[in-house]
N, C-alpha and C. Protein backbone atom coordinates (compact mmCIF):
# COMPACT_ATOMS: atom_id res chain seq x y z
N MET A 1 0.83 -0.92 -0.15
CA MET A 1 -0.02 0.16 0.33
C MET A 1 0.48 1.39 -0.15
N ALA A 2 0.53 2.37 -0.68
CA ALA A 2 1.28 4.02 -1.24
C ALA A 2 0.54 4.58 -1.15
N ILE A 3 0.89 5.70 0.44
CA ILE A 3 -0.17 6.84 0.09
C ILE A 3 0.47 7.68 -0.34
N GLU A 4 -0.45 8.94 -1.18
CA GLU A 4 0.83 9.54 -1.95
C GLU A 4 -0.11 10.90 -1.24
N HIS A 5 1.24 11.80 -1.66
CA HIS A 5 1.13 13.43 -1.16
C HIS A 5 0.79 13.45 0.30
N ALA A 6 1.47 12.26 0.85
CA ALA A 6 2.06 12.66 2.21
C ALA A 6 2.93 14.22 3.14
N ASP A 7 2.35 14.80 3.62
CA ASP A 7 3.60 15.65 4.16
C ASP A 7 3.93 15.20 5.19
N PHE A 8 4.94 15.15 5.37
CA PHE A 8 6.00 15.06 6.31
C PHE A 8 5.63 15.10 7.58
N ASP A 9 4.91 16.21 8.52
CA ASP A 9 4.20 15.95 9.96
C ASP A 9 3.25 14.51 10.46
N GLY A 10 2.70 14.05 8.39
CA GLY A 10 1.90 13.29 8.86
C GLY A 10 2.46 11.85 9.04
N VAL A 11 3.78 11.70 8.23
CA VAL A 11 4.12 10.86 8.29
C VAL A 11 4.71 10.35 9.38
N ASP A 12 5.65 11.83 9.93
CA ASP A 12 5.79 11.66 11.68
C ASP A 12 5.15 11.68 12.50
N ARG A 13 4.75 11.40 12.37
CA ARG A 13 3.10 11.52 13.50
C ARG A 13 2.58 9.75 13.20
N LEU A 14 2.63 9.96 11.92
CA LEU A 14 1.58 7.93 11.93
C LEU A 14 3.01 6.96 11.83
N SER A 15 4.48 7.75 12.40
CA SER A 15 5.15 6.53 12.35
C SER A 15 5.93 6.55 14.12
N THR A 16 5.27 7.16 14.70
CA THR A 16 4.88 7.27 16.62
C THR A 16 4.31 6.52 16.13
N VAL A 17 2.92 6.20 16.22
CA VAL A 17 1.76 5.79 16.44
C VAL A 17 1.66 4.14 16.10
N THR A 18 2.61 4.31 15.20
CA THR A 18 2.96 2.65 13.90
C THR A 18 3.51 2.56 14.74
N GLY A 19 4.60 2.61 15.66
CA GLY A 19 5.73 2.26 16.31
C GLY A 19 7.18 1.97 14.80
N GLY A 20 6.77 2.63 14.05
CA GLY A 20 8.03 2.35 12.23
C GLY A 20 8.98 3.32 12.45
N GLU A 21 10.31 2.88 11.48
CA GLU A 21 10.98 3.55 11.45
C GLU A 21 11.10 4.56 10.32
N LEU A 22 11.11 5.34 9.87
CA LEU A 22 11.18 6.68 8.83
C LEU A 22 12.83 6.26 8.17
N VAL A 23 12.69 5.98 6.75
CA VAL A 23 13.67 5.81 5.91
C VAL A 23 13.32 5.96 5.13
N SER A 24 14.64 6.50 3.91
CA SER A 24 14.76 7.25 2.82
C SER A 24 14.26 6.18 2.02
N THR A 25 15.20 4.85 1.67
CA THR A 25 15.57 4.22 1.08
C THR A 25 14.89 2.68 1.43
N PHE A 26 15.10 1.94 0.19
CA PHE A 26 14.60 0.30 0.62
C PHE A 26 15.50 -1.05 0.18
N ASP A 27 17.39 -0.51 0.61
CA ASP A 27 18.02 -1.10 0.35
C ASP A 27 18.25 -2.19 1.43
N HIS A 28 17.76 -2.55 2.53
CA HIS A 28 18.34 -3.10 3.06
C HIS A 28 16.94 -3.17 4.33
N PRO A 29 15.09 -4.35 3.76
CA PRO A 29 14.14 -3.44 4.56
C PRO A 29 14.39 -4.41 5.98
N GLU A 30 15.23 -5.47 5.62
CA GLU A 30 15.71 -6.76 6.73
C GLU A 30 16.16 -5.43 7.81
N LEU A 31 16.68 -4.50 7.90
CA LEU A 31 17.17 -3.62 8.98
C LEU A 31 15.87 -2.80 9.44
N VAL A 32 15.14 -2.09 8.68
CA VAL A 32 14.01 -1.53 9.30
C VAL A 32 12.64 -2.29 10.36
N THR A 33 12.59 -1.36 11.14
CA THR A 33 11.49 -1.63 12.30
C THR A 33 9.91 -0.97 11.01
N LEU A 34 9.07 -2.04 11.03
CA LEU A 34 8.37 -1.67 10.83
C LEU A 34 6.59 -1.36 11.44
N GLY A 35 5.77 -0.59 10.87
CA GLY A 35 4.77 -0.41 12.87
C GLY A 35 3.90 -1.57 11.76
N GLU A 36 2.92 -1.42 13.11
CA GLU A 36 1.25 -1.72 13.13
C GLU A 36 0.39 -1.97 12.59
N ALA A 37 -0.74 -1.36 12.29
CA ALA A 37 -2.36 -1.59 12.61
C ALA A 37 -3.20 -2.52 11.96
N GLU A 38 -4.08 -2.50 12.83
CA GLU A 38 -5.26 -3.72 12.88
C GLU A 38 -6.20 -3.44 11.24
N LEU A 39 -5.77 -2.12 11.43
CA LEU A 39 -7.07 -1.88 9.70
C LEU A 39 -6.92 -0.44 8.85
N ILE A 40 -6.36 -0.44 7.85
CA ILE A 40 -5.87 0.29 8.06
C ILE A 40 -6.92 0.86 6.21
N GLU A 41 -7.95 1.49 6.26
CA GLU A 41 -9.06 2.46 4.96
C GLU A 41 -8.75 3.79 4.81
N GLU A 42 -9.72 3.49 3.79
CA GLU A 42 -10.21 4.91 3.14
C GLU A 42 -11.77 5.46 3.30
N VAL A 43 -11.77 6.55 3.89
CA VAL A 43 -13.09 7.50 4.39
C VAL A 43 -12.91 8.07 3.57
N MET A 44 -14.66 8.29 3.64
CA MET A 44 -14.89 9.32 2.96
C MET A 44 -15.60 10.88 4.24
N ILE A 45 -14.96 12.06 4.44
CA ILE A 45 -15.20 13.21 5.01
C ILE A 45 -15.17 14.66 4.12
N GLY A 46 -16.75 14.77 3.89
CA GLY A 46 -17.35 16.04 2.98
C GLY A 46 -16.91 15.49 1.99
N GLU A 47 -16.61 16.49 0.85
CA GLU A 47 -15.44 15.81 -0.35
C GLU A 47 -14.32 15.32 -0.14
N GLN A 48 -13.73 14.78 1.24
CA GLN A 48 -12.13 14.74 0.72
C GLN A 48 -12.05 13.28 1.39
N ARG A 49 -11.32 12.48 0.87
CA ARG A 49 -10.80 11.60 0.79
C ARG A 49 -9.80 11.07 1.91
N LEU A 50 -9.54 10.32 3.31
CA LEU A 50 -8.90 10.27 3.40
C LEU A 50 -8.66 9.04 4.54
N ILE A 51 -7.17 8.56 4.75
CA ILE A 51 -6.04 7.22 4.88
C ILE A 51 -6.88 6.97 6.82
N ARG A 52 -7.42 6.64 7.28
CA ARG A 52 -7.86 5.97 8.44
C ARG A 52 -6.73 4.64 9.84
N PHE A 53 -6.07 4.58 9.84
CA PHE A 53 -5.37 3.75 10.84
C PHE A 53 -6.50 3.42 11.84
N SER A 54 -6.74 2.53 12.11
CA SER A 54 -7.39 2.08 13.43
C SER A 54 -6.35 0.59 14.22
N GLY A 55 -6.25 0.80 15.00
CA GLY A 55 -5.80 0.03 16.06
C GLY A 55 -3.76 -0.17 15.78
N VAL A 56 -3.91 1.33 16.18
CA VAL A 56 -2.20 0.94 15.69
C VAL A 56 -1.61 0.58 17.30
N LYS A 57 -0.39 0.67 17.47
CA LYS A 57 0.26 -0.10 18.17
C LYS A 57 0.69 0.88 18.86
N SER A 58 0.65 1.73 19.39
CA SER A 58 0.75 2.99 20.14
C SER A 58 -0.86 3.60 20.45
N GLY A 59 -2.03 3.12 21.14
CA GLY A 59 -2.79 3.86 21.08
C GLY A 59 -3.62 4.52 22.05
N ALA A 60 -1.91 5.76 22.55
CA ALA A 60 -2.19 6.89 22.86
C ALA A 60 -2.53 8.04 21.84
N ALA A 61 -2.96 8.00 20.86
CA ALA A 61 -2.85 9.42 19.27
C ALA A 61 -4.47 8.74 18.87
N CYS A 62 -4.70 10.32 18.71
CA CYS A 62 -5.87 10.35 17.43
C CYS A 62 -6.22 10.98 16.44
N SER A 63 -7.12 11.32 16.09
CA SER A 63 -6.77 12.23 15.32
C SER A 63 -8.68 13.17 15.62
N ILE A 64 -8.78 14.09 15.83
CA ILE A 64 -10.10 15.35 15.24
C ILE A 64 -9.70 15.99 14.16
N VAL A 65 -11.68 15.55 13.70
CA VAL A 65 -11.60 16.69 12.32
C VAL A 65 -13.22 17.37 12.44
N LEU A 66 -12.50 18.55 12.41
CA LEU A 66 -12.89 19.42 12.51
C LEU A 66 -14.41 20.49 11.20
N ARG A 67 -15.81 20.42 10.95
CA ARG A 67 -15.68 20.87 10.06
C ARG A 67 -17.06 22.15 10.66
N GLY A 68 -16.90 22.74 9.65
CA GLY A 68 -17.76 24.35 10.03
C GLY A 68 -18.24 24.67 8.42
N ALA A 69 -18.88 25.20 9.13
CA ALA A 69 -20.46 26.12 7.68
C ALA A 69 -19.93 27.56 7.23
N SER A 70 -19.02 27.87 8.29
CA SER A 70 -17.64 28.67 7.73
C SER A 70 -16.02 28.64 7.89
N SER A 71 -15.17 29.71 7.28
CA SER A 71 -14.01 29.55 7.79
C SER A 71 -13.95 30.59 9.33
N HIS A 72 -15.31 30.62 9.70
CA HIS A 72 -14.45 31.74 10.94
C HIS A 72 -15.39 30.58 11.68
N VAL A 73 -16.34 30.18 11.89
CA VAL A 73 -17.06 29.09 12.76
C VAL A 73 -15.85 27.40 13.25
N LEU A 74 -15.04 27.33 11.82
CA LEU A 74 -13.95 26.88 12.05
C LEU A 74 -13.31 27.01 12.75
N ASP A 75 -13.03 28.38 12.97
CA ASP A 75 -11.26 28.77 13.71
C ASP A 75 -11.81 29.02 14.87
N GLU A 76 -13.04 29.14 15.08
CA GLU A 76 -13.51 29.31 16.50
C GLU A 76 -12.85 27.80 17.76
N ALA A 77 -13.86 27.04 15.99
CA ALA A 77 -13.41 25.38 16.87
C ALA A 77 -12.20 25.37 16.59
N GLU A 78 -11.72 25.52 16.65
CA GLU A 78 -10.32 25.21 16.77
C GLU A 78 -9.38 25.88 17.80
N ARG A 79 -10.26 26.70 18.00
CA ARG A 79 -10.07 27.39 18.92
C ARG A 79 -9.91 27.43 20.39
N SER A 80 -11.43 26.99 20.50
CA SER A 80 -12.09 26.36 21.57
C SER A 80 -11.67 25.21 22.32
N LEU A 81 -10.89 24.15 20.98
CA LEU A 81 -10.26 22.64 21.03
C LEU A 81 -9.14 23.30 21.49
N HIS A 82 -8.13 24.02 21.58
CA HIS A 82 -6.45 24.58 21.12
C HIS A 82 -6.84 24.45 23.27
N ASP A 83 -7.45 25.71 23.37
CA ASP A 83 -7.94 25.61 25.20
C ASP A 83 -8.25 24.56 26.19
N ALA A 84 -8.94 23.68 25.35
CA ALA A 84 -9.90 22.58 26.22
C ALA A 84 -8.91 21.55 26.41
N LEU A 85 -7.36 21.73 25.01
CA LEU A 85 -6.44 20.85 25.72
C LEU A 85 -5.48 21.12 26.47
N ALA A 86 -5.20 22.78 26.20
CA ALA A 86 -4.04 23.39 26.82
C ALA A 86 -4.75 23.45 28.22
N VAL A 87 -6.35 23.53 28.70
CA VAL A 87 -6.44 23.24 30.17
C VAL A 87 -6.80 21.27 30.74
N LEU A 88 -6.49 21.06 29.60
CA LEU A 88 -5.95 19.26 30.29
C LEU A 88 -5.09 18.74 30.37
N SER A 89 -4.03 19.19 29.74
CA SER A 89 -2.85 19.66 29.97
C SER A 89 -2.67 19.90 30.71
N GLN A 90 -2.60 21.46 31.62
CA GLN A 90 -1.96 21.64 33.02
C GLN A 90 -3.01 21.16 33.56
N THR A 91 -3.91 20.63 33.90
CA THR A 91 -4.27 19.56 34.65
C THR A 91 -3.57 18.35 35.54
N VAL A 92 -3.53 17.69 34.19
CA VAL A 92 -2.35 16.17 34.21
C VAL A 92 -1.16 16.63 35.12
N LYS A 93 -1.17 17.81 34.48
CA LYS A 93 0.61 18.26 35.63
C LYS A 93 0.00 19.13 37.14
N GLU A 94 -1.06 19.78 36.91
CA GLU A 94 -1.50 20.25 38.65
C GLU A 94 -2.46 19.48 38.29
N THR A 95 -2.87 18.45 39.67
CA THR A 95 -4.28 18.47 39.80
C THR A 95 -5.19 18.83 40.61
N ARG A 96 -4.42 19.78 41.19
CA ARG A 96 -6.12 20.33 41.39
C ARG A 96 -6.89 20.73 41.31
N VAL A 97 -8.20 20.84 41.80
CA VAL A 97 -10.00 21.51 40.75
C VAL A 97 -10.20 21.82 41.79
N THR A 98 -11.28 23.38 40.93
CA THR A 98 -12.13 24.08 41.95
C THR A 98 -13.20 24.11 41.60
N LEU A 99 -14.08 23.64 42.39
CA LEU A 99 -15.79 23.70 41.94
C LEU A 99 -16.48 24.87 40.58
N GLY A 100 -16.62 24.53 40.08
CA GLY A 100 -16.83 25.04 38.53
C GLY A 100 -18.79 25.39 38.81
N GLY A 101 -18.90 26.02 37.51
CA GLY A 101 -20.58 27.06 37.60
C GLY A 101 -20.60 28.73 38.38
N GLY A 102 -19.48 29.06 38.24
CA GLY A 102 -19.27 30.31 39.16
C GLY A 102 -19.29 30.35 40.46
N CYS A 103 -19.57 28.09 41.23
CA CYS A 103 -18.63 28.20 42.54
C CYS A 103 -17.71 29.55 43.43
N ALA A 104 -16.59 28.94 42.80
CA ALA A 104 -15.63 28.93 43.44
C ALA A 104 -15.40 30.83 43.48
N GLU A 105 -15.99 31.41 42.38
CA GLU A 105 -15.76 32.95 42.26
C GLU A 105 -17.08 33.35 43.46
N MET A 106 -17.74 33.02 43.21
CA MET A 106 -18.70 33.47 44.21
C MET A 106 -18.14 33.39 45.73
N LEU A 107 -17.30 32.43 45.89
CA LEU A 107 -16.61 31.84 47.59
C LEU A 107 -15.31 32.90 47.14
N MET A 108 -14.94 33.32 46.69
CA MET A 108 -14.02 34.63 46.29
C MET A 108 -14.35 35.26 46.76
N ALA A 109 -15.99 35.88 46.15
CA ALA A 109 -16.40 37.20 46.18
C ALA A 109 -17.16 37.23 47.17
N ASN A 110 -17.21 36.67 48.58
CA ASN A 110 -17.82 36.52 49.86
C ASN A 110 -16.75 36.94 50.84
N ALA A 111 -15.47 36.44 50.38
CA ALA A 111 -14.71 36.51 51.04
C ALA A 111 -14.17 37.60 51.41
N VAL A 112 -13.97 38.34 49.73
CA VAL A 112 -13.59 39.53 50.13
C VAL A 112 -14.31 40.70 50.65
N ASP A 113 -15.73 40.26 50.47
CA ASP A 113 -16.95 41.40 50.53
C ASP A 113 -16.70 41.60 51.90
N LYS A 114 -16.52 40.47 53.20
CA LYS A 114 -16.16 40.25 54.17
C LYS A 114 -14.57 41.18 54.94
N LEU A 115 -13.85 41.51 53.99
CA LEU A 115 -13.11 43.30 54.51
C LEU A 115 -13.33 44.12 53.96
N VAL A 116 -14.63 44.81 53.47
CA VAL A 116 -14.40 46.22 53.24
C VAL A 116 -15.23 46.64 54.31
N PRO A 117 -15.64 45.98 55.58
CA PRO A 117 -15.62 46.49 56.37
C PRO A 117 -14.94 46.70 57.37
N GLN A 118 -13.63 46.18 57.13
CA GLN A 118 -12.75 45.78 58.34
C GLN A 118 -11.83 47.40 57.30
N THR A 119 -11.85 47.66 56.53
CA THR A 119 -10.85 48.38 55.97
C THR A 119 -11.30 50.02 55.94
N GLU A 120 -10.52 50.93 55.75
CA GLU A 120 -10.67 52.40 56.15
C GLU A 120 -10.37 52.47 54.35
N GLY A 121 -10.46 54.20 54.28
CA GLY A 121 -10.25 54.66 53.06
C GLY A 121 -11.03 54.23 51.57
N LYS A 122 -10.12 54.79 51.46
CA LYS A 122 -10.21 54.85 49.19
C LYS A 122 -9.80 53.43 49.22
N LYS A 123 -9.40 53.04 50.17
CA LYS A 123 -8.53 50.86 49.71
C LYS A 123 -10.51 50.09 49.84
N ALA A 124 -10.81 50.71 50.78
CA ALA A 124 -12.25 49.50 51.04
C ALA A 124 -12.63 49.93 49.57
N LEU A 125 -13.10 51.02 48.29
CA LEU A 125 -14.45 51.09 47.32
C LEU A 125 -13.28 49.97 46.12
N ALA A 126 -11.68 49.98 46.17
CA ALA A 126 -11.26 49.04 44.98
C ALA A 126 -11.26 47.22 45.74
N ILE A 127 -11.71 47.06 47.29
CA ILE A 127 -11.47 45.57 46.93
C ILE A 127 -13.69 45.52 47.32
N GLU A 128 -14.04 46.38 47.03
CA GLU A 128 -15.47 46.54 47.16
C GLU A 128 -15.78 46.01 44.99
N ALA A 129 -14.96 46.31 44.58
CA ALA A 129 -15.04 46.47 42.80
C ALA A 129 -14.71 45.02 42.56
N PHE A 130 -13.48 44.65 43.11
CA PHE A 130 -13.27 43.44 43.33
C PHE A 130 -14.46 42.42 42.95
N ALA A 131 -14.62 42.77 44.76
CA ALA A 131 -15.87 41.75 44.79
C ALA A 131 -16.53 41.34 43.74
N LYS A 132 -16.87 42.77 43.20
CA LYS A 132 -17.76 42.75 41.91
C LYS A 132 -17.42 41.99 40.95
N ALA A 133 -15.83 42.42 40.68
CA ALA A 133 -15.56 42.01 39.18
C ALA A 133 -15.54 40.29 39.65
N LEU A 134 -15.39 40.03 40.73
CA LEU A 134 -15.05 38.32 41.32
C LEU A 134 -17.33 38.15 39.81
N ARG A 135 -18.12 38.70 40.87
CA ARG A 135 -18.97 38.07 40.34
C ARG A 135 -19.42 38.33 38.82
N ALA A 136 -18.99 38.64 38.13
CA ALA A 136 -18.80 39.05 36.71
C ALA A 136 -19.14 37.80 36.32
N LEU A 137 -18.65 36.39 36.44
CA LEU A 137 -18.08 35.69 35.58
C LEU A 137 -18.95 34.88 35.48
N PRO A 138 -20.20 34.67 36.94
CA PRO A 138 -20.87 34.17 36.69
C PRO A 138 -22.07 34.51 36.31
N THR A 139 -21.84 35.42 35.90
CA THR A 139 -22.86 36.54 35.60
C THR A 139 -23.03 36.38 33.39
N THR A 140 -22.06 36.28 33.51
CA THR A 140 -21.69 35.91 32.06
C THR A 140 -22.01 34.23 31.54
N LEU A 141 -21.48 33.65 32.28
CA LEU A 141 -21.92 32.29 32.61
C LEU A 141 -23.50 31.61 32.38
N ALA A 142 -24.25 33.02 32.85
CA ALA A 142 -25.72 33.09 32.88
C ALA A 142 -26.19 33.39 31.07
N ASP A 143 -25.50 34.69 31.41
CA ASP A 143 -26.32 35.16 29.90
C ASP A 143 -25.65 34.70 29.06
N ASN A 144 -24.56 33.62 28.43
CA ASN A 144 -23.93 32.83 27.96
C ASN A 144 -25.02 31.89 27.96
N GLY A 145 -25.70 31.27 28.55
CA GLY A 145 -26.10 29.96 28.43
C GLY A 145 -27.48 30.91 28.07
N GLY A 146 -27.82 31.55 27.90
CA GLY A 146 -29.26 32.59 27.56
C GLY A 146 -30.26 32.67 28.92
N TYR A 147 -29.70 32.65 29.62
CA TYR A 147 -30.38 33.32 30.94
C TYR A 147 -31.14 34.20 31.71
N ASP A 148 -31.25 33.93 32.73
CA ASP A 148 -31.60 35.46 33.51
C ASP A 148 -31.01 35.07 34.38
N SER A 149 -29.72 36.08 33.79
CA SER A 149 -28.41 36.38 34.90
C SER A 149 -28.48 36.88 36.38
N ALA A 150 -29.49 37.82 36.44
CA ALA A 150 -29.78 38.60 37.55
C ALA A 150 -30.11 38.05 38.84
N GLU A 151 -30.90 36.99 37.99
CA GLU A 151 -32.03 35.97 39.02
C GLU A 151 -30.97 35.03 39.69
N LEU A 152 -30.38 34.38 38.44
CA LEU A 152 -29.62 33.12 39.60
C LEU A 152 -28.23 33.94 39.87
N VAL A 153 -27.79 34.98 39.58
CA VAL A 153 -25.93 35.38 39.85
C VAL A 153 -27.18 35.59 41.49
N GLN A 154 -28.30 36.42 41.68
CA GLN A 154 -28.90 36.62 43.03
C GLN A 154 -29.54 35.80 43.88
N GLN A 155 -29.80 34.50 43.61
CA GLN A 155 -29.99 33.39 44.07
C GLN A 155 -29.18 32.74 44.32
N LEU A 156 -27.85 32.52 43.46
CA LEU A 156 -26.82 31.96 43.82
C LEU A 156 -26.03 33.39 45.27
N ARG A 157 -25.48 33.93 45.40
CA ARG A 157 -25.69 34.94 46.60
C ARG A 157 -26.64 34.70 47.61
N VAL A 158 -27.93 33.97 47.90
CA VAL A 158 -28.73 33.81 49.21
C VAL A 158 -28.23 32.34 49.04
N ALA A 159 -27.51 31.75 48.89
CA ALA A 159 -26.82 30.05 49.01
C ALA A 159 -25.84 30.21 49.88
N HIS A 160 -25.29 30.61 49.05
CA HIS A 160 -23.37 31.48 49.93
C HIS A 160 -23.77 31.73 51.18
N HIS A 161 -24.49 32.30 51.20
CA HIS A 161 -24.85 33.65 52.43
C HIS A 161 -25.42 32.45 53.20
N GLY A 162 -26.95 31.83 52.55
CA GLY A 162 -27.26 31.17 53.29
C GLY A 162 -25.58 29.53 53.59
N GLY A 163 -24.50 29.35 53.72
CA GLY A 163 -23.84 28.28 54.03
C GLY A 163 -23.94 26.69 53.20
N ASN A 164 -24.50 27.52 52.14
CA ASN A 164 -24.11 26.02 51.01
C ASN A 164 -23.32 26.43 50.11
N SER A 165 -22.01 26.10 50.07
CA SER A 165 -20.98 26.11 49.79
C SER A 165 -20.20 25.92 48.25
N THR A 166 -21.60 25.21 47.94
CA THR A 166 -20.80 24.25 46.65
C THR A 166 -21.90 24.35 45.61
N ALA A 167 -22.33 25.57 46.20
CA ALA A 167 -24.09 25.67 44.90
C ALA A 167 -23.47 26.68 43.95
N GLY A 168 -23.74 26.48 42.67
CA GLY A 168 -23.27 26.62 41.05
C GLY A 168 -24.26 26.90 40.54
N LEU A 169 -23.83 27.22 39.17
CA LEU A 169 -24.95 27.25 37.92
C LEU A 169 -24.86 26.26 37.51
N ASP A 170 -26.16 25.41 37.72
CA ASP A 170 -26.60 23.92 36.77
C ASP A 170 -26.99 24.97 35.06
N MET A 171 -26.44 24.70 33.99
CA MET A 171 -26.62 25.54 33.26
C MET A 171 -27.46 24.65 31.89
N TYR A 172 -27.54 23.14 32.26
CA TYR A 172 -28.32 22.24 31.79
C TYR A 172 -29.58 22.82 32.20
N ASN A 173 -30.28 23.27 32.84
CA ASN A 173 -31.41 22.73 33.90
C ASN A 173 -31.78 24.36 33.96
N GLY A 174 -30.34 24.96 34.22
CA GLY A 174 -30.89 26.78 34.79
C GLY A 174 -31.45 26.94 35.15
N THR A 175 -30.53 26.05 36.90
CA THR A 175 -30.88 26.44 37.81
C THR A 175 -29.59 26.38 38.68
N LEU A 176 -30.16 26.05 39.62
CA LEU A 176 -28.66 26.32 40.87
C LEU A 176 -28.21 24.97 41.50
N GLY A 177 -27.51 24.07 41.26
CA GLY A 177 -27.11 22.97 41.65
C GLY A 177 -25.83 22.83 42.35
N ASP A 178 -25.48 21.65 43.21
CA ASP A 178 -24.63 21.34 43.50
C ASP A 178 -23.23 21.07 43.05
N MET A 179 -22.24 21.62 43.11
CA MET A 179 -21.64 21.32 41.42
C MET A 179 -20.27 19.98 42.15
N ASP A 180 -20.23 20.12 43.31
CA ASP A 180 -19.49 18.69 43.77
C ASP A 180 -20.43 17.68 43.43
N GLU A 181 -21.60 17.50 43.38
CA GLU A 181 -22.46 16.64 43.00
C GLU A 181 -22.76 15.72 41.56
N LEU A 182 -22.80 16.92 41.07
CA LEU A 182 -22.76 17.10 39.30
C LEU A 182 -21.65 16.52 38.95
N GLY A 183 -20.51 16.71 39.72
CA GLY A 183 -18.96 16.60 39.03
C GLY A 183 -18.18 18.34 38.12
N ILE A 184 -19.27 19.55 37.87
CA ILE A 184 -18.35 20.18 37.66
C ILE A 184 -17.37 20.93 37.74
N PHE A 185 -15.95 21.12 37.16
CA PHE A 185 -14.42 21.59 38.37
C PHE A 185 -14.16 21.88 36.67
N GLU A 186 -13.60 23.24 37.49
CA GLU A 186 -12.20 23.51 37.13
C GLU A 186 -11.09 23.26 36.89
N SER A 187 -10.18 23.49 36.18
CA SER A 187 -8.58 23.69 36.97
C SER A 187 -7.98 24.12 37.43
N PHE A 188 -7.30 24.04 38.72
CA PHE A 188 -7.26 24.80 39.52
C PHE A 188 -5.73 26.08 39.58
N LYS A 189 -4.99 25.14 38.54
CA LYS A 189 -3.93 25.93 37.35
C LYS A 189 -4.25 27.15 36.45
N LEU A 190 -5.46 26.34 36.17
CA LEU A 190 -6.16 27.66 35.17
C LEU A 190 -7.10 28.89 35.76
N LYS A 191 -7.07 28.64 37.03
CA LYS A 191 -8.53 29.50 37.63
C LYS A 191 -6.92 30.22 38.45
N GLU A 192 -6.28 30.14 38.67
CA GLU A 192 -4.83 30.78 40.14
C GLU A 192 -4.73 31.99 38.45
N HIS A 193 -4.37 31.38 37.27
CA HIS A 193 -3.80 31.95 36.03
C HIS A 193 -4.92 33.61 35.94
N VAL A 194 -6.13 33.42 35.74
CA VAL A 194 -6.62 34.02 35.12
C VAL A 194 -7.19 35.01 36.74
N LEU A 195 -6.93 34.88 37.88
CA LEU A 195 -7.01 36.27 38.55
C LEU A 195 -6.10 36.80 38.76
N LEU A 196 -4.57 36.05 38.87
CA LEU A 196 -3.38 36.83 39.07
C LEU A 196 -3.64 37.33 37.17
N ALA A 197 -3.80 37.58 36.23
CA ALA A 197 -3.23 37.76 35.31
C ALA A 197 -4.57 38.92 35.62
N ALA A 198 -5.58 38.75 35.81
CA ALA A 198 -6.30 40.10 35.72
C ALA A 198 -6.31 41.42 36.62
N ALA A 199 -5.76 41.00 38.13
CA ALA A 199 -5.12 41.81 39.12
C ALA A 199 -3.67 42.37 38.37
N GLU A 200 -2.85 41.84 37.64
CA GLU A 200 -1.78 42.38 36.95
C GLU A 200 -2.45 43.54 36.03
N ALA A 201 -3.77 42.63 35.16
CA ALA A 201 -3.72 43.98 34.35
C ALA A 201 -4.81 45.22 35.02
N SER A 202 -5.34 45.18 36.04
CA SER A 202 -5.75 46.06 36.74
C SER A 202 -4.74 47.37 37.23
N GLU A 203 -3.67 45.86 37.35
CA GLU A 203 -2.84 47.20 38.37
C GLU A 203 -1.92 48.01 37.07
N VAL A 204 -1.75 48.12 36.64
CA VAL A 204 -0.80 48.32 35.18
C VAL A 204 -2.13 49.79 34.64
N ILE A 205 -3.65 49.55 34.76
CA ILE A 205 -4.11 50.58 34.35
C ILE A 205 -4.47 51.56 35.17
N LEU A 206 -4.45 51.10 36.66
CA LEU A 206 -4.01 51.94 37.27
C LEU A 206 -3.25 53.19 37.61
N ARG A 207 -2.08 52.77 37.10
CA ARG A 207 -1.56 52.75 37.13
C ARG A 207 -0.77 54.60 36.02
N VAL A 208 -1.93 53.82 34.69
CA VAL A 208 -1.82 55.12 33.79
C VAL A 208 -2.51 56.80 34.57
N ASP A 209 -1.58 57.29 34.24
CA ASP A 209 -1.86 58.56 35.10
C ASP A 209 -2.16 59.94 33.66
N SER A 210 -2.41 59.31 32.58
CA SER A 210 -3.55 59.76 31.12
C SER A 210 -2.74 59.43 30.08
N ILE A 211 -3.90 59.56 28.70
CA ILE A 211 -3.50 59.34 27.73
C ILE A 211 -3.64 60.16 26.63
N VAL A 212 -2.13 60.09 25.96
CA VAL A 212 -2.02 60.78 24.94
C VAL A 212 -2.80 60.30 23.89
N ARG A 213 -2.98 61.36 22.89
CA ARG A 213 -4.28 60.85 22.28
C ARG A 213 -3.60 61.94 20.49
N CYS A 214 -3.21 60.91 19.38
CA CYS A 214 -3.20 61.45 18.92
C CYS A 214 -3.71 62.69 17.57
N ALA A 215 -3.23 63.69 16.80
CA ALA A 215 -5.08 64.35 16.14
C ALA A 215 -5.28 63.76 14.71
N PRO A 216 -6.75 64.09 15.19
CA PRO A 216 -6.70 62.88 13.37
C PRO A 216 -5.68 63.86 12.34
N ARG A 217 -5.86 63.16 11.42
CA ARG A 217 -5.13 63.96 10.64
C ARG A 217 -5.58 64.46 9.42
N ASP A 218 -5.37 65.83 9.22
CA ASP A 218 -5.78 65.67 7.83
C ASP A 218 -6.22 65.79 6.91
N ARG A 219 -7.83 65.50 6.25
CA ARG A 219 -7.79 64.54 5.33
C ARG A 219 -7.98 65.49 4.06
N GLY A 220 -8.26 67.15 4.08
CA GLY A 220 -8.50 67.71 2.78
C GLY A 220 -7.90 67.89 1.89
């Protein structure tokens, strides 16, 4: 069997998963390590013909085919998949997780709110604004799901103030749910990175004294 127009990256990955050795000549085939696959078949995806290898020697590899109605949809799907794989790889390295569904943000917002009455001066305003920013994530989560964010977030605040520390947004039903029981978790590493990046960006903006704008160009 011969494959025509195979790019080097594809051949290199194929060599890895099948356990075969890349060679440039066939002068000494007895010295070459051959790869293994239980099934090699040609499949049609859309209008393209692809070669699919199943039952390869190294089962730790797979191909993901993305299809979309337009290049914009396809690019967005690829970006989302890349982000998901990046989070997954970080979770493998750092196995700690936090509760999802806006639960972690609400817990942090409540902890920050407790500092406001204990803080004097304008610092209390900054602390209060930080707590409000933390609650923006469950609000955005509810908005993206097409639900009433004001109603759900207020219910979530009441639940957390009542001692239900595992309450979060159940986006399947548009209600509150127990994130621990539902198995909705987020990567601790990702959550930490998001918080640190947001805090650093806020500090940079606060250090800006003034903005210098260029005069509009004369088009006359």
